[in-house]
Amino acid sequence: MTNEKNTSFYIGVTNDIIRRVYEHKNDLIDGFTKHYRLHKLVYVEQTELLTDAIAREKQLKNWHRDWKINLIRKINPDFRDLYGDFA
């Protein structure tokens, strides 16, 4: 969650995207997203297996910022908040 102007991205795994983003948007969970006020969902990937999701999470967390921005732009060039597409 972020917009391109933010300096940070949050990357995580969940089995309930609506609940998880709601928690982040409303600062219900102490931690990274609350501290940096990251409230926009700008990119989502879905996997069948939890192990695949965790492996992808680790991979993306090791990417350079520019790689992440380019990945997001392919799907969401305006860095629009995608939460409404799920809620």
N, C-alpha and C. Protein backbone atom coordinates (compact mmCIF):
# COMPACT_ATOMS: atom_id res chain seq x y z
N MET A 1 0.83 -1.17 0.00
CA MET A 1 0.00 0.00 0.00
C MET A 1 0.87 1.23 0.00
N THR A 2 0.58 2.13 -0.89
CA THR A 2 1.33 3.38 -0.94
C THR A 2 0.88 4.18 -2.13
N ASN A 3 1.44 5.33 -2.29
CA ASN A 3 1.38 5.99 -3.58
C ASN A 3 2.83 6.19 -4.01
N GLU A 4 3.01 6.51 -5.23
CA GLU A 4 4.37 6.56 -5.77
C GLU A 4 5.23 7.59 -5.04
N LYS A 5 4.63 8.59 -4.44
CA LYS A 5 5.39 9.62 -3.74
C LYS A 5 5.86 9.18 -2.37
N ASN A 6 5.21 8.19 -1.79
CA ASN A 6 5.67 7.70 -0.49
C ASN A 6 7.04 7.07 -0.63
N THR A 7 7.75 7.03 0.46
CA THR A 7 9.08 6.45 0.42
C THR A 7 9.07 4.97 0.76
N SER A 8 7.93 4.45 1.20
CA SER A 8 7.87 3.06 1.65
C SER A 8 6.72 2.31 1.01
N PHE A 9 6.93 1.02 0.88
CA PHE A 9 5.90 0.09 0.45
C PHE A 9 5.75 -0.96 1.54
N TYR A 10 4.53 -1.41 1.74
CA TYR A 10 4.29 -2.54 2.64
C TYR A 10 3.96 -3.73 1.77
N ILE A 11 4.59 -4.85 2.03
CA ILE A 11 4.31 -6.08 1.31
C ILE A 11 3.97 -7.13 2.35
N GLY A 12 2.83 -7.79 2.17
CA GLY A 12 2.41 -8.78 3.14
C GLY A 12 1.55 -9.85 2.51
N VAL A 13 1.25 -10.86 3.31
CA VAL A 13 0.43 -11.99 2.90
C VAL A 13 -0.81 -12.03 3.79
N THR A 14 -1.95 -12.32 3.19
CA THR A 14 -3.18 -12.46 3.96
C THR A 14 -4.11 -13.46 3.28
N ASN A 15 -5.02 -14.02 4.07
CA ASN A 15 -6.05 -14.87 3.49
C ASN A 15 -7.39 -14.14 3.42
N ASP A 16 -7.39 -12.85 3.80
CA ASP A 16 -8.61 -12.03 3.77
C ASP A 16 -8.22 -10.59 3.45
N ILE A 17 -8.17 -10.27 2.17
CA ILE A 17 -7.69 -8.96 1.74
C ILE A 17 -8.55 -7.82 2.26
N ILE A 18 -9.86 -8.00 2.28
CA ILE A 18 -10.75 -6.94 2.74
C ILE A 18 -10.49 -6.62 4.21
N ARG A 19 -10.42 -7.65 5.04
CA ARG A 19 -10.17 -7.44 6.47
C ARG A 19 -8.81 -6.79 6.69
N ARG A 20 -7.81 -7.32 6.01
CA ARG A 20 -6.44 -6.85 6.23
C ARG A 20 -6.27 -5.39 5.84
N VAL A 21 -6.79 -5.00 4.68
CA VAL A 21 -6.65 -3.62 4.25
C VAL A 21 -7.46 -2.70 5.16
N TYR A 22 -8.64 -3.13 5.57
CA TYR A 22 -9.45 -2.35 6.52
C TYR A 22 -8.64 -2.08 7.79
N GLU A 23 -7.98 -3.10 8.30
CA GLU A 23 -7.16 -2.94 9.50
C GLU A 23 -6.06 -1.90 9.29
N HIS A 24 -5.40 -1.96 8.15
CA HIS A 24 -4.33 -1.01 7.84
C HIS A 24 -4.88 0.40 7.66
N LYS A 25 -5.97 0.53 6.92
CA LYS A 25 -6.54 1.85 6.66
C LYS A 25 -6.98 2.55 7.94
N ASN A 26 -7.40 1.77 8.92
CA ASN A 26 -7.91 2.32 10.16
C ASN A 26 -6.90 2.25 11.30
N ASP A 27 -5.65 2.00 10.96
CA ASP A 27 -4.55 1.95 11.94
C ASP A 27 -4.89 1.06 13.14
N LEU A 28 -5.49 -0.09 12.87
CA LEU A 28 -5.87 -1.01 13.93
C LEU A 28 -4.72 -1.91 14.35
N ILE A 29 -3.68 -1.94 13.55
CA ILE A 29 -2.52 -2.80 13.85
C ILE A 29 -1.29 -1.91 14.01
N ASP A 30 -0.68 -2.00 15.17
CA ASP A 30 0.56 -1.26 15.38
C ASP A 30 1.65 -1.87 14.50
N GLY A 31 2.49 -1.03 13.98
CA GLY A 31 3.59 -1.53 13.18
C GLY A 31 3.89 -0.63 12.00
N PHE A 32 4.46 -1.24 10.99
CA PHE A 32 5.01 -0.56 9.83
C PHE A 32 3.98 0.34 9.13
N THR A 33 2.82 -0.21 8.77
CA THR A 33 1.84 0.58 8.01
C THR A 33 1.27 1.72 8.83
N LYS A 34 1.09 1.49 10.12
CA LYS A 34 0.59 2.56 10.98
C LYS A 34 1.65 3.65 11.14
N HIS A 35 2.88 3.25 11.38
CA HIS A 35 3.97 4.21 11.57
C HIS A 35 4.17 5.09 10.34
N TYR A 36 4.14 4.49 9.16
CA TYR A 36 4.38 5.23 7.92
C TYR A 36 3.09 5.71 7.25
N ARG A 37 1.95 5.46 7.87
CA ARG A 37 0.64 5.90 7.36
C ARG A 37 0.40 5.43 5.93
N LEU A 38 0.61 4.15 5.73
CA LEU A 38 0.38 3.54 4.42
C LEU A 38 -1.04 3.00 4.40
N HIS A 39 -1.91 3.66 3.65
CA HIS A 39 -3.33 3.31 3.67
C HIS A 39 -3.90 2.94 2.32
N LYS A 40 -3.10 2.96 1.28
CA LYS A 40 -3.61 2.64 -0.05
C LYS A 40 -3.15 1.25 -0.49
N LEU A 41 -4.08 0.50 -1.04
CA LEU A 41 -3.77 -0.77 -1.68
C LEU A 41 -3.56 -0.48 -3.16
N VAL A 42 -2.34 -0.66 -3.64
CA VAL A 42 -2.04 -0.30 -5.03
C VAL A 42 -1.67 -1.50 -5.89
N TYR A 43 -1.49 -2.66 -5.26
CA TYR A 43 -1.10 -3.84 -6.03
C TYR A 43 -1.50 -5.09 -5.26
N VAL A 44 -1.98 -6.09 -5.98
CA VAL A 44 -2.40 -7.36 -5.38
C VAL A 44 -1.99 -8.49 -6.31
N GLU A 45 -1.52 -9.57 -5.71
CA GLU A 45 -1.32 -10.82 -6.43
C GLU A 45 -2.05 -11.91 -5.65
N GLN A 46 -2.59 -12.87 -6.35
CA GLN A 46 -3.28 -13.98 -5.70
C GLN A 46 -2.57 -15.28 -6.06
N THR A 47 -2.44 -16.15 -5.07
CA THR A 47 -1.85 -17.46 -5.30
C THR A 47 -2.77 -18.52 -4.72
N GLU A 48 -2.61 -19.72 -5.16
CA GLU A 48 -3.40 -20.83 -4.64
C GLU A 48 -2.81 -21.36 -3.33
N LEU A 49 -1.49 -21.39 -3.26
CA LEU A 49 -0.82 -21.99 -2.11
C LEU A 49 -0.17 -20.92 -1.22
N LEU A 50 -0.31 -21.09 0.07
CA LEU A 50 0.31 -20.18 1.03
C LEU A 50 1.82 -20.16 0.85
N THR A 51 2.41 -21.30 0.59
CA THR A 51 3.86 -21.36 0.41
C THR A 51 4.31 -20.51 -0.77
N ASP A 52 3.51 -20.49 -1.84
CA ASP A 52 3.82 -19.64 -3.00
C ASP A 52 3.70 -18.16 -2.64
N ALA A 53 2.69 -17.82 -1.85
CA ALA A 53 2.49 -16.43 -1.43
C ALA A 53 3.66 -15.96 -0.58
N ILE A 54 4.09 -16.78 0.34
CA ILE A 54 5.21 -16.41 1.21
C ILE A 54 6.50 -16.27 0.42
N ALA A 55 6.72 -17.17 -0.53
CA ALA A 55 7.92 -17.08 -1.37
C ALA A 55 7.90 -15.80 -2.20
N ARG A 56 6.74 -15.45 -2.75
CA ARG A 56 6.62 -14.22 -3.54
C ARG A 56 6.82 -12.99 -2.67
N GLU A 57 6.25 -13.01 -1.46
CA GLU A 57 6.43 -11.91 -0.52
C GLU A 57 7.92 -11.68 -0.25
N LYS A 58 8.63 -12.74 0.02
CA LYS A 58 10.07 -12.63 0.29
C LYS A 58 10.82 -12.08 -0.92
N GLN A 59 10.43 -12.56 -2.10
CA GLN A 59 11.07 -12.09 -3.32
C GLN A 59 10.86 -10.58 -3.50
N LEU A 60 9.60 -10.13 -3.37
CA LEU A 60 9.30 -8.72 -3.58
C LEU A 60 9.96 -7.84 -2.52
N LYS A 61 10.05 -8.32 -1.30
CA LYS A 61 10.69 -7.54 -0.25
C LYS A 61 12.18 -7.30 -0.53
N ASN A 62 12.77 -8.15 -1.34
CA ASN A 62 14.18 -7.99 -1.69
C ASN A 62 14.40 -7.18 -2.97
N TRP A 63 13.33 -6.79 -3.62
CA TRP A 63 13.45 -6.00 -4.84
C TRP A 63 13.82 -4.56 -4.52
N HIS A 64 14.45 -3.91 -5.50
CA HIS A 64 14.72 -2.48 -5.42
C HIS A 64 13.40 -1.72 -5.58
N ARG A 65 13.36 -0.52 -5.04
CA ARG A 65 12.16 0.30 -5.10
C ARG A 65 11.69 0.51 -6.55
N ASP A 66 12.60 0.81 -7.45
CA ASP A 66 12.23 1.05 -8.85
C ASP A 66 11.56 -0.17 -9.47
N TRP A 67 12.02 -1.37 -9.11
CA TRP A 67 11.41 -2.59 -9.65
C TRP A 67 9.97 -2.70 -9.16
N LYS A 68 9.74 -2.37 -7.90
CA LYS A 68 8.39 -2.43 -7.34
C LYS A 68 7.48 -1.41 -8.02
N ILE A 69 7.99 -0.21 -8.22
CA ILE A 69 7.20 0.83 -8.89
C ILE A 69 6.83 0.39 -10.30
N ASN A 70 7.77 -0.17 -11.03
CA ASN A 70 7.49 -0.63 -12.39
C ASN A 70 6.47 -1.76 -12.40
N LEU A 71 6.53 -2.65 -11.43
CA LEU A 71 5.55 -3.73 -11.33
C LEU A 71 4.16 -3.16 -11.08
N ILE A 72 4.05 -2.22 -10.16
CA ILE A 72 2.76 -1.60 -9.85
C ILE A 72 2.23 -0.86 -11.07
N ARG A 73 3.08 -0.11 -11.75
CA ARG A 73 2.64 0.68 -12.92
C ARG A 73 2.05 -0.18 -14.02
N LYS A 74 2.53 -1.42 -14.15
CA LYS A 74 1.99 -2.31 -15.19
C LYS A 74 0.51 -2.60 -14.96
N ILE A 75 0.12 -2.70 -13.71
CA ILE A 75 -1.26 -3.04 -13.34
C ILE A 75 -2.07 -1.79 -12.98
N ASN A 76 -1.41 -0.82 -12.36
CA ASN A 76 -2.09 0.32 -11.78
C ASN A 76 -1.25 1.59 -12.02
N PRO A 77 -1.24 2.10 -13.24
CA PRO A 77 -0.34 3.21 -13.57
C PRO A 77 -0.58 4.48 -12.78
N ASP A 78 -1.78 4.68 -12.27
CA ASP A 78 -2.10 5.89 -11.52
C ASP A 78 -1.98 5.71 -10.01
N PHE A 79 -1.53 4.53 -9.57
CA PHE A 79 -1.41 4.22 -8.16
C PHE A 79 -2.73 4.47 -7.43
N ARG A 80 -3.82 4.08 -8.10
CA ARG A 80 -5.16 4.22 -7.56
C ARG A 80 -5.35 3.25 -6.41
N ASP A 81 -6.13 3.63 -5.40
CA ASP A 81 -6.43 2.74 -4.28
C ASP A 81 -7.39 1.65 -4.76
N LEU A 82 -6.94 0.41 -4.74
CA LEU A 82 -7.72 -0.73 -5.25
C LEU A 82 -8.67 -1.32 -4.23
N TYR A 83 -8.64 -0.82 -3.02
CA TYR A 83 -9.47 -1.40 -1.96
C TYR A 83 -10.95 -1.43 -2.34
N GLY A 84 -11.43 -0.39 -3.00
CA GLY A 84 -12.83 -0.34 -3.41
C GLY A 84 -13.21 -1.44 -4.39
N ASP A 85 -12.25 -1.98 -5.10
CA ASP A 85 -12.52 -3.08 -6.03
C ASP A 85 -12.84 -4.37 -5.28
N PHE A 86 -12.44 -4.43 -4.01
CA PHE A 86 -12.63 -5.66 -3.22
C PHE A 86 -13.75 -5.50 -2.19
N ALA A 87 -13.92 -4.30 -1.65
CA ALA A 87 -14.88 -4.09 -0.57
C ALA A 87 -16.31 -4.04 -1.08
